[in-house]
Amino acid sequence: MSIKEHCVKIYELLKEAGESGWSNGFRGLIAELEANENISVYRKIISIYGGAGSFNDLVLYKNGAVCSEENNELDRLRNGLYNKIAEKWT
């Protein structure tokens, strides 16, 4: 799966889960990747992984309950995206 495909899958999952802030952010990243996929877009994506309240900290909930299946999928996609970008730098 490509970097853009990872972002699209994450966007769809976040949108379906009602996580509008993060889904809107990924919609913007997808648009940037479509316009000009380059190292600056990769840096932007990597930057969302660090710090308090980062993409790494995101846990999906519905009606106050943790969405286990969706969070497992998010973890898989989140790790896959990070690793795919890391491959571009090595």
PDB file of N, CA and C in Angstrom:
ATOM      1  N   MET A   1       0.847  -1.172   0.000  1.00  0.00           N
ATOM      2  CA  MET A   1       0.000   0.000   0.000  1.00  0.00           C
ATOM      3  C   MET A   1       0.899   1.245   0.000  1.00  0.00           C
ATOM      4  N   SER A   2       0.547   2.228  -0.792  1.00  0.00           N
ATOM      5  CA  SER A   2       1.337   3.458  -0.901  1.00  0.00           C
ATOM      6  C   SER A   2       1.066   4.389   0.288  1.00  0.00           C
ATOM      7  N   ILE A   3       1.857   5.437   0.383  1.00  0.00           N
ATOM      8  CA  ILE A   3       1.656   6.437   1.431  1.00  0.00           C
ATOM      9  C   ILE A   3       0.277   7.061   1.285  1.00  0.00           C
ATOM     10  N   LYS A   4      -0.079   7.438   0.083  1.00  0.00           N
ATOM     11  CA  LYS A   4      -1.397   8.038  -0.148  1.00  0.00           C
ATOM     12  C   LYS A   4      -2.508   7.054   0.207  1.00  0.00           C
ATOM     13  N   GLU A   5      -2.365   5.803  -0.175  1.00  0.00           N
ATOM     14  CA  GLU A   5      -3.391   4.801   0.140  1.00  0.00           C
ATOM     15  C   GLU A   5      -3.548   4.627   1.651  1.00  0.00           C
ATOM     16  N   HIS A   6      -2.437   4.638   2.382  1.00  0.00           N
ATOM     17  CA  HIS A   6      -2.519   4.592   3.847  1.00  0.00           C
ATOM     18  C   HIS A   6      -3.321   5.785   4.366  1.00  0.00           C
ATOM     19  N   CYS A   7      -3.008   6.969   3.856  1.00  0.00           N
ATOM     20  CA  CYS A   7      -3.701   8.181   4.301  1.00  0.00           C
ATOM     21  C   CYS A   7      -5.192   8.126   3.994  1.00  0.00           C
ATOM     22  N   VAL A   8      -5.546   7.619   2.829  1.00  0.00           N
ATOM     23  CA  VAL A   8      -6.960   7.501   2.460  1.00  0.00           C
ATOM     24  C   VAL A   8      -7.676   6.539   3.401  1.00  0.00           C
ATOM     25  N   LYS A   9      -7.076   5.400   3.682  1.00  0.00           N
ATOM     26  CA  LYS A   9      -7.684   4.414   4.593  1.00  0.00           C
ATOM     27  C   LYS A   9      -7.853   5.009   5.995  1.00  0.00           C
ATOM     28  N   ILE A  10      -6.827   5.719   6.468  1.00  0.00           N
ATOM     29  CA  ILE A  10      -6.914   6.358   7.784  1.00  0.00           C
ATOM     30  C   ILE A  10      -8.018   7.407   7.775  1.00  0.00           C
ATOM     31  N   TYR A  11      -8.064   8.230   6.740  1.00  0.00           N
ATOM     32  CA  TYR A  11      -9.114   9.247   6.609  1.00  0.00           C
ATOM     33  C   TYR A  11     -10.498   8.608   6.687  1.00  0.00           C
ATOM     34  N   GLU A  12     -10.707   7.549   5.922  1.00  0.00           N
ATOM     35  CA  GLU A  12     -12.015   6.885   5.903  1.00  0.00           C
ATOM     36  C   GLU A  12     -12.383   6.332   7.277  1.00  0.00           C
ATOM     37  N   LEU A  13     -11.425   5.716   7.949  1.00  0.00           N
ATOM     38  CA  LEU A  13     -11.665   5.156   9.278  1.00  0.00           C
ATOM     39  C   LEU A  13     -12.005   6.266  10.276  1.00  0.00           C
ATOM     40  N   LEU A  14     -11.251   7.345  10.247  1.00  0.00           N
ATOM     41  CA  LEU A  14     -11.493   8.454  11.166  1.00  0.00           C
ATOM     42  C   LEU A  14     -12.832   9.127  10.901  1.00  0.00           C
ATOM     43  N   LYS A  15     -13.152   9.300   9.639  1.00  0.00           N
ATOM     44  CA  LYS A  15     -14.430   9.922   9.283  1.00  0.00           C
ATOM     45  C   LYS A  15     -15.589   9.051   9.758  1.00  0.00           C
ATOM     46  N   GLU A  16     -15.491   7.759   9.518  1.00  0.00           N
ATOM     47  CA  GLU A  16     -16.533   6.823   9.942  1.00  0.00           C
ATOM     48  C   GLU A  16     -16.694   6.821  11.464  1.00  0.00           C
ATOM     49  N   ALA A  17     -15.588   7.011  12.178  1.00  0.00           N
ATOM     50  CA  ALA A  17     -15.615   7.016  13.644  1.00  0.00           C
ATOM     51  C   ALA A  17     -16.069   8.365  14.214  1.00  0.00           C
ATOM     52  N   GLY A  18     -16.291   9.347  13.342  1.00  0.00           N
ATOM     53  CA  GLY A  18     -16.732  10.662  13.795  1.00  0.00           C
ATOM     54  C   GLY A  18     -15.615  11.535  14.340  1.00  0.00           C
ATOM     55  N   GLU A  19     -14.394  11.209  13.985  1.00  0.00           N
ATOM     56  CA  GLU A  19     -13.215  11.953  14.444  1.00  0.00           C
ATOM     57  C   GLU A  19     -12.911  13.042  13.413  1.00  0.00           C
ATOM     58  N   SER A  20     -13.720  14.121  13.443  1.00  0.00           N
ATOM     59  CA  SER A  20     -13.673  15.126  12.380  1.00  0.00           C
ATOM     60  C   SER A  20     -12.366  15.916  12.337  1.00  0.00           C
ATOM     61  N   GLY A  21     -11.788  16.234  13.479  1.00  0.00           N
ATOM     62  CA  GLY A  21     -10.540  17.003  13.475  1.00  0.00           C
ATOM     63  C   GLY A  21      -9.423  16.285  12.750  1.00  0.00           C
ATOM     64  N   TRP A  22      -9.189  15.042  13.140  1.00  0.00           N
ATOM     65  CA  TRP A  22      -8.125  14.261  12.507  1.00  0.00           C
ATOM     66  C   TRP A  22      -8.486  13.883  11.071  1.00  0.00           C
ATOM     67  N   SER A  23      -9.754  13.586  10.801  1.00  0.00           N
ATOM     68  CA  SER A  23     -10.114  13.212   9.422  1.00  0.00           C
ATOM     69  C   SER A  23      -9.925  14.397   8.480  1.00  0.00           C
ATOM     70  N   ASN A  24     -10.271  15.601   8.938  1.00  0.00           N
ATOM     71  CA  ASN A  24     -10.043  16.790   8.112  1.00  0.00           C
ATOM     72  C   ASN A  24      -8.559  17.008   7.857  1.00  0.00           C
ATOM     73  N   GLY A  25      -7.743  16.756   8.870  1.00  0.00           N
ATOM     74  CA  GLY A  25      -6.296  16.873   8.696  1.00  0.00           C
ATOM     75  C   GLY A  25      -5.778  15.912   7.641  1.00  0.00           C
ATOM     76  N   PHE A  26      -6.281  14.689   7.670  1.00  0.00           N
ATOM     77  CA  PHE A  26      -5.850  13.712   6.672  1.00  0.00           C
ATOM     78  C   PHE A  26      -6.385  14.049   5.285  1.00  0.00           C
ATOM     79  N   ARG A  27      -7.561  14.640   5.215  1.00  0.00           N
ATOM     80  CA  ARG A  27      -8.068  15.075   3.911  1.00  0.00           C
ATOM     81  C   ARG A  27      -7.107  16.088   3.301  1.00  0.00           C
ATOM     82  N   GLY A  28      -6.595  17.002   4.130  1.00  0.00           N
ATOM     83  CA  GLY A  28      -5.618  17.983   3.655  1.00  0.00           C
ATOM     84  C   GLY A  28      -4.312  17.344   3.218  1.00  0.00           C
ATOM     85  N   LEU A  29      -3.844  16.360   3.981  1.00  0.00           N
ATOM     86  CA  LEU A  29      -2.608  15.661   3.610  1.00  0.00           C
ATOM     87  C   LEU A  29      -2.773  14.908   2.291  1.00  0.00           C
ATOM     88  N   ILE A  30      -3.927  14.308   2.092  1.00  0.00           N
ATOM     89  CA  ILE A  30      -4.202  13.595   0.838  1.00  0.00           C
ATOM     90  C   ILE A  30      -4.151  14.575  -0.331  1.00  0.00           C
ATOM     91  N   ALA A  31      -4.754  15.742  -0.160  1.00  0.00           N
ATOM     92  CA  ALA A  31      -4.728  16.760  -1.221  1.00  0.00           C
ATOM     93  C   ALA A  31      -3.292  17.178  -1.530  1.00  0.00           C
ATOM     94  N   GLU A  32      -2.477  17.337  -0.501  1.00  0.00           N
ATOM     95  CA  GLU A  32      -1.072  17.698  -0.722  1.00  0.00           C
ATOM     96  C   GLU A  32      -0.319  16.589  -1.444  1.00  0.00           C
ATOM     97  N   LEU A  33      -0.579  15.339  -1.064  1.00  0.00           N
ATOM     98  CA  LEU A  33       0.071  14.211  -1.740  1.00  0.00           C
ATOM     99  C   LEU A  33      -0.337  14.142  -3.209  1.00  0.00           C
ATOM    100  N   GLU A  34      -1.609  14.441  -3.495  1.00  0.00           N
ATOM    101  CA  GLU A  34      -2.078  14.417  -4.883  1.00  0.00           C
ATOM    102  C   GLU A  34      -1.456  15.542  -5.698  1.00  0.00           C
ATOM    103  N   ALA A  35      -1.256  16.689  -5.077  1.00  0.00           N
ATOM    104  CA  ALA A  35      -0.696  17.843  -5.782  1.00  0.00           C
ATOM    105  C   ALA A  35       0.794  17.678  -6.045  1.00  0.00           C
ATOM    106  N   ASN A  36       1.518  17.180  -5.044  1.00  0.00           N
ATOM    107  CA  ASN A  36       2.969  17.076  -5.193  1.00  0.00           C
ATOM    108  C   ASN A  36       3.539  16.229  -4.060  1.00  0.00           C
ATOM    109  N   GLU A  37       3.614  14.933  -4.270  1.00  0.00           N
ATOM    110  CA  GLU A  37       4.154  14.044  -3.240  1.00  0.00           C
ATOM    111  C   GLU A  37       5.660  14.240  -3.161  1.00  0.00           C
ATOM    112  N   ASN A  38       6.110  14.782  -2.023  1.00  0.00           N
ATOM    113  CA  ASN A  38       7.539  15.030  -1.843  1.00  0.00           C
ATOM    114  C   ASN A  38       7.909  14.978  -0.363  1.00  0.00           C
ATOM    115  N   ILE A  39       9.172  15.201  -0.091  1.00  0.00           N
ATOM    116  CA  ILE A  39       9.706  15.074   1.269  1.00  0.00           C
ATOM    117  C   ILE A  39       9.051  16.042   2.244  1.00  0.00           C
ATOM    118  N   SER A  40       8.642  17.218   1.789  1.00  0.00           N
ATOM    119  CA  SER A  40       8.018  18.174   2.709  1.00  0.00           C
ATOM    120  C   SER A  40       6.662  17.663   3.192  1.00  0.00           C
ATOM    121  N   VAL A  41       5.930  16.987   2.341  1.00  0.00           N
ATOM    122  CA  VAL A  41       4.657  16.387   2.768  1.00  0.00           C
ATOM    123  C   VAL A  41       4.937  15.233   3.724  1.00  0.00           C
ATOM    124  N   TYR A  42       5.964  14.453   3.444  1.00  0.00           N
ATOM    125  CA  TYR A  42       6.338  13.356   4.348  1.00  0.00           C
ATOM    126  C   TYR A  42       6.695  13.902   5.731  1.00  0.00           C
ATOM    127  N   ARG A  43       7.419  15.015   5.762  1.00  0.00           N
ATOM    128  CA  ARG A  43       7.781  15.627   7.051  1.00  0.00           C
ATOM    129  C   ARG A  43       6.533  16.054   7.817  1.00  0.00           C
ATOM    130  N   LYS A  44       5.576  16.626   7.103  1.00  0.00           N
ATOM    131  CA  LYS A  44       4.319  17.027   7.734  1.00  0.00           C
ATOM    132  C   LYS A  44       3.625  15.831   8.365  1.00  0.00           C
ATOM    133  N   ILE A  45       3.586  14.731   7.623  1.00  0.00           N
ATOM    134  CA  ILE A  45       2.926  13.525   8.134  1.00  0.00           C
ATOM    135  C   ILE A  45       3.659  13.014   9.368  1.00  0.00           C
ATOM    136  N   ILE A  46       4.971  12.918   9.294  1.00  0.00           N
ATOM    137  CA  ILE A  46       5.756  12.423  10.432  1.00  0.00           C
ATOM    138  C   ILE A  46       5.570  13.329  11.649  1.00  0.00           C
ATOM    139  N   SER A  47       5.405  14.626  11.430  1.00  0.00           N
ATOM    140  CA  SER A  47       5.284  15.567  12.551  1.00  0.00           C
ATOM    141  C   SER A  47       4.028  15.330  13.387  1.00  0.00           C
ATOM    142  N   ILE A  48       2.996  14.722  12.825  1.00  0.00           N
ATOM    143  CA  ILE A  48       1.769  14.492  13.605  1.00  0.00           C
ATOM    144  C   ILE A  48       1.929  13.348  14.601  1.00  0.00           C
ATOM    145  N   TYR A  49       3.027  12.616  14.508  1.00  0.00           N
ATOM    146  CA  TYR A  49       3.264  11.474  15.392  1.00  0.00           C
ATOM    147  C   TYR A  49       3.896  11.862  16.730  1.00  0.00           C
ATOM    148  N   GLY A  50       4.396  13.068  16.878  1.00  0.00           N
ATOM    149  CA  GLY A  50       5.150  13.410  18.080  1.00  0.00           C
ATOM    150  C   GLY A  50       4.442  14.384  19.004  1.00  0.00           C
ATOM    151  N   GLY A  51       4.738  14.285  20.291  1.00  0.00           N
ATOM    152  CA  GLY A  51       4.226  15.223  21.280  1.00  0.00           C
ATOM    153  C   GLY A  51       2.920  14.781  21.918  1.00  0.00           C
ATOM    154  N   ALA A  52       2.551  15.496  22.966  1.00  0.00           N
ATOM    155  CA  ALA A  52       1.307  15.198  23.681  1.00  0.00           C
ATOM    156  C   ALA A  52       0.108  15.511  22.787  1.00  0.00           C
ATOM    157  N   GLY A  53      -0.873  14.651  22.816  1.00  0.00           N
ATOM    158  CA  GLY A  53      -2.061  14.832  21.993  1.00  0.00           C
ATOM    159  C   GLY A  53      -1.823  14.550  20.522  1.00  0.00           C
ATOM    160  N   SER A  54      -0.772  13.822  20.231  1.00  0.00           N
ATOM    161  CA  SER A  54      -0.407  13.540  18.842  1.00  0.00           C
ATOM    162  C   SER A  54      -1.260  12.416  18.261  1.00  0.00           C
ATOM    163  N   PHE A  55      -1.042  12.170  17.003  1.00  0.00           N
ATOM    164  CA  PHE A  55      -1.742  11.100  16.296  1.00  0.00           C
ATOM    165  C   PHE A  55      -1.506   9.754  16.973  1.00  0.00           C
ATOM    166  N   ASN A  56      -0.326   9.558  17.540  1.00  0.00           N
ATOM    167  CA  ASN A  56      -0.026   8.314  18.265  1.00  0.00           C
ATOM    168  C   ASN A  56      -0.920   8.127  19.480  1.00  0.00           C
ATOM    169  N   ASP A  57      -1.388   9.220  20.069  1.00  0.00           N
ATOM    170  CA  ASP A  57      -2.206   9.162  21.283  1.00  0.00           C
ATOM    171  C   ASP A  57      -3.690   8.946  20.998  1.00  0.00           C
ATOM    172  N   LEU A  58      -4.082   9.051  19.745  1.00  0.00           N
ATOM    173  CA  LEU A  58      -5.500   8.985  19.393  1.00  0.00           C
ATOM    174  C   LEU A  58      -6.094   7.612  19.690  1.00  0.00           C
ATOM    175  N   VAL A  59      -7.203   7.613  20.432  1.00  0.00           N
ATOM    176  CA  VAL A  59      -7.984   6.409  20.711  1.00  0.00           C
ATOM    177  C   VAL A  59      -9.415   6.725  20.308  1.00  0.00           C
ATOM    178  N   LEU A  60     -10.016   5.849  19.528  1.00  0.00           N
ATOM    179  CA  LEU A  60     -11.378   6.049  19.053  1.00  0.00           C
ATOM    180  C   LEU A  60     -12.382   5.503  20.062  1.00  0.00           C
ATOM    181  N   TYR A  61     -13.423   6.312  20.330  1.00  0.00           N
ATOM    182  CA  TYR A  61     -14.505   5.946  21.244  1.00  0.00           C
ATOM    183  C   TYR A  61     -15.836   6.129  20.543  1.00  0.00           C
ATOM    184  N   LYS A  62     -16.817   5.369  20.968  1.00  0.00           N
ATOM    185  CA  LYS A  62     -18.187   5.576  20.505  1.00  0.00           C
ATOM    186  C   LYS A  62     -19.096   5.403  21.710  1.00  0.00           C
ATOM    187  N   ASN A  63     -19.889   6.423  21.992  1.00  0.00           N
ATOM    188  CA  ASN A  63     -20.791   6.416  23.146  1.00  0.00           C
ATOM    189  C   ASN A  63     -20.046   6.079  24.434  1.00  0.00           C
ATOM    190  N   GLY A  64     -18.849   6.617  24.595  1.00  0.00           N
ATOM    191  CA  GLY A  64     -18.065   6.422  25.802  1.00  0.00           C
ATOM    192  C   GLY A  64     -17.322   5.105  25.904  1.00  0.00           C
ATOM    193  N   ALA A  65     -17.454   4.250  24.903  1.00  0.00           N
ATOM    194  CA  ALA A  65     -16.777   2.945  24.922  1.00  0.00           C
ATOM    195  C   ALA A  65     -15.666   2.922  23.876  1.00  0.00           C
ATOM    196  N   VAL A  66     -14.554   2.300  24.242  1.00  0.00           N
ATOM    197  CA  VAL A  66     -13.430   2.166  23.320  1.00  0.00           C
ATOM    198  C   VAL A  66     -13.835   1.264  22.158  1.00  0.00           C
ATOM    199  N   CYS A  67     -13.523   1.691  20.953  1.00  0.00           N
ATOM    200  CA  CYS A  67     -13.810   0.912  19.737  1.00  0.00           C
ATOM    201  C   CYS A  67     -12.605   0.013  19.450  1.00  0.00           C
ATOM    202  N   SER A  68     -12.610  -1.175  20.009  1.00  0.00           N
ATOM    203  CA  SER A  68     -11.442  -2.063  19.925  1.00  0.00           C
ATOM    204  C   SER A  68     -11.055  -2.396  18.494  1.00  0.00           C
ATOM    205  N   GLU A  69     -12.003  -2.832  17.703  1.00  0.00           N
ATOM    206  CA  GLU A  69     -11.703  -3.238  16.322  1.00  0.00           C
ATOM    207  C   GLU A  69     -11.158  -2.067  15.510  1.00  0.00           C
ATOM    208  N   GLU A  70     -11.809  -0.918  15.635  1.00  0.00           N
ATOM    209  CA  GLU A  70     -11.379   0.266  14.895  1.00  0.00           C
ATOM    210  C   GLU A  70     -10.000   0.739  15.355  1.00  0.00           C
ATOM    211  N   ASN A  71      -9.746   0.672  16.669  1.00  0.00           N
ATOM    212  CA  ASN A  71      -8.435   1.075  17.181  1.00  0.00           C
ATOM    213  C   ASN A  71      -7.337   0.129  16.724  1.00  0.00           C
ATOM    214  N   ASN A  72      -7.635  -1.151  16.642  1.00  0.00           N
ATOM    215  CA  ASN A  72      -6.647  -2.105  16.119  1.00  0.00           C
ATOM    216  C   ASN A  72      -6.315  -1.790  14.666  1.00  0.00           C
ATOM    217  N   GLU A  73      -7.342  -1.483  13.883  1.00  0.00           N
ATOM    218  CA  GLU A  73      -7.125  -1.126  12.474  1.00  0.00           C
ATOM    219  C   GLU A  73      -6.347   0.189  12.371  1.00  0.00           C
ATOM    220  N   LEU A  74      -6.703   1.149  13.203  1.00  0.00           N
ATOM    221  CA  LEU A  74      -5.989   2.426  13.205  1.00  0.00           C
ATOM    222  C   LEU A  74      -4.516   2.216  13.543  1.00  0.00           C
ATOM    223  N   ASP A  75      -4.229   1.397  14.543  1.00  0.00           N
ATOM    224  CA  ASP A  75      -2.831   1.111  14.898  1.00  0.00           C
ATOM    225  C   ASP A  75      -2.079   0.486  13.733  1.00  0.00           C
ATOM    226  N   ARG A  76      -2.714  -0.451  13.058  1.00  0.00           N
ATOM    227  CA  ARG A  76      -2.084  -1.114  11.909  1.00  0.00           C
ATOM    228  C   ARG A  76      -1.768  -0.096  10.807  1.00  0.00           C
ATOM    229  N   LEU A  77      -2.749   0.739  10.486  1.00  0.00           N
ATOM    230  CA  LEU A  77      -2.566   1.740   9.434  1.00  0.00           C
ATOM    231  C   LEU A  77      -1.561   2.815   9.844  1.00  0.00           C
ATOM    232  N   ARG A  78      -1.649   3.249  11.081  1.00  0.00           N
ATOM    233  CA  ARG A  78      -0.751   4.291  11.595  1.00  0.00           C
ATOM    234  C   ARG A  78       0.696   3.812  11.546  1.00  0.00           C
ATOM    235  N   ASN A  79       0.945   2.585  11.987  1.00  0.00           N
ATOM    236  CA  ASN A  79       2.299   2.021  11.938  1.00  0.00           C
ATOM    237  C   ASN A  79       2.754   1.802  10.502  1.00  0.00           C
ATOM    238  N   GLY A  80       1.848   1.331   9.658  1.00  0.00           N
ATOM    239  CA  GLY A  80       2.183   1.114   8.253  1.00  0.00           C
ATOM    240  C   GLY A  80       2.568   2.400   7.548  1.00  0.00           C
ATOM    241  N   LEU A  81       1.833   3.474   7.822  1.00  0.00           N
ATOM    242  CA  LEU A  81       2.137   4.768   7.212  1.00  0.00           C
ATOM    243  C   LEU A  81       3.511   5.264   7.657  1.00  0.00           C
ATOM    244  N   TYR A  82       3.769   5.196   8.942  1.00  0.00           N
ATOM    245  CA  TYR A  82       5.065   5.639   9.472  1.00  0.00           C
ATOM    246  C   TYR A  82       6.205   4.844   8.835  1.00  0.00           C
ATOM    247  N   ASN A  83       6.042   3.540   8.780  1.00  0.00           N
ATOM    248  CA  ASN A  83       7.090   2.680   8.205  1.00  0.00           C
ATOM    249  C   ASN A  83       7.282   2.937   6.719  1.00  0.00           C
ATOM    250  N   LYS A  84       6.200   3.211   6.006  1.00  0.00           N
ATOM    251  CA  LYS A  84       6.295   3.485   4.569  1.00  0.00           C
ATOM    252  C   LYS A  84       7.097   4.766   4.321  1.00  0.00           C
ATOM    253  N   ILE A  85       6.847   5.782   5.138  1.00  0.00           N
ATOM    254  CA  ILE A  85       7.609   7.025   4.997  1.00  0.00           C
ATOM    255  C   ILE A  85       9.063   6.796   5.390  1.00  0.00           C
ATOM    256  N   ALA A  86       9.295   6.037   6.445  1.00  0.00           N
ATOM    257  CA  ALA A  86      10.671   5.731   6.870  1.00  0.00           C
ATOM    258  C   ALA A  86      11.442   5.039   5.749  1.00  0.00           C
ATOM    259  N   GLU A  87      10.780   4.179   4.985  1.00  0.00           N
ATOM    260  CA  GLU A  87      11.422   3.504   3.843  1.00  0.00           C
ATOM    261  C   GLU A  87      11.926   4.506   2.816  1.00  0.00           C
ATOM    262  N   LYS A  88      11.201   5.605   2.638  1.00  0.00           N
ATOM    263  CA  LYS A  88      11.585   6.623   1.654  1.00  0.00           C
ATOM    264  C   LYS A  88      12.870   7.339   2.058  1.00  0.00           C
ATOM    265  N   TRP A  89      13.152   7.366   3.370  1.00  0.00           N
ATOM    266  CA  TRP A  89      14.325   8.079   3.870  1.00  0.00           C
ATOM    267  C   TRP A  89      15.536   7.193   4.034  1.00  0.00           C
ATOM    268  N   THR A  90      15.383   5.890   3.880  1.00  0.00           N
ATOM    269  CA  THR A  90      16.534   4.999   4.068  1.00  0.00           C
ATOM    270  C   THR A  90      17.046   4.471   2.754  1.00  0.00           C
TER     271      THR A  90
END
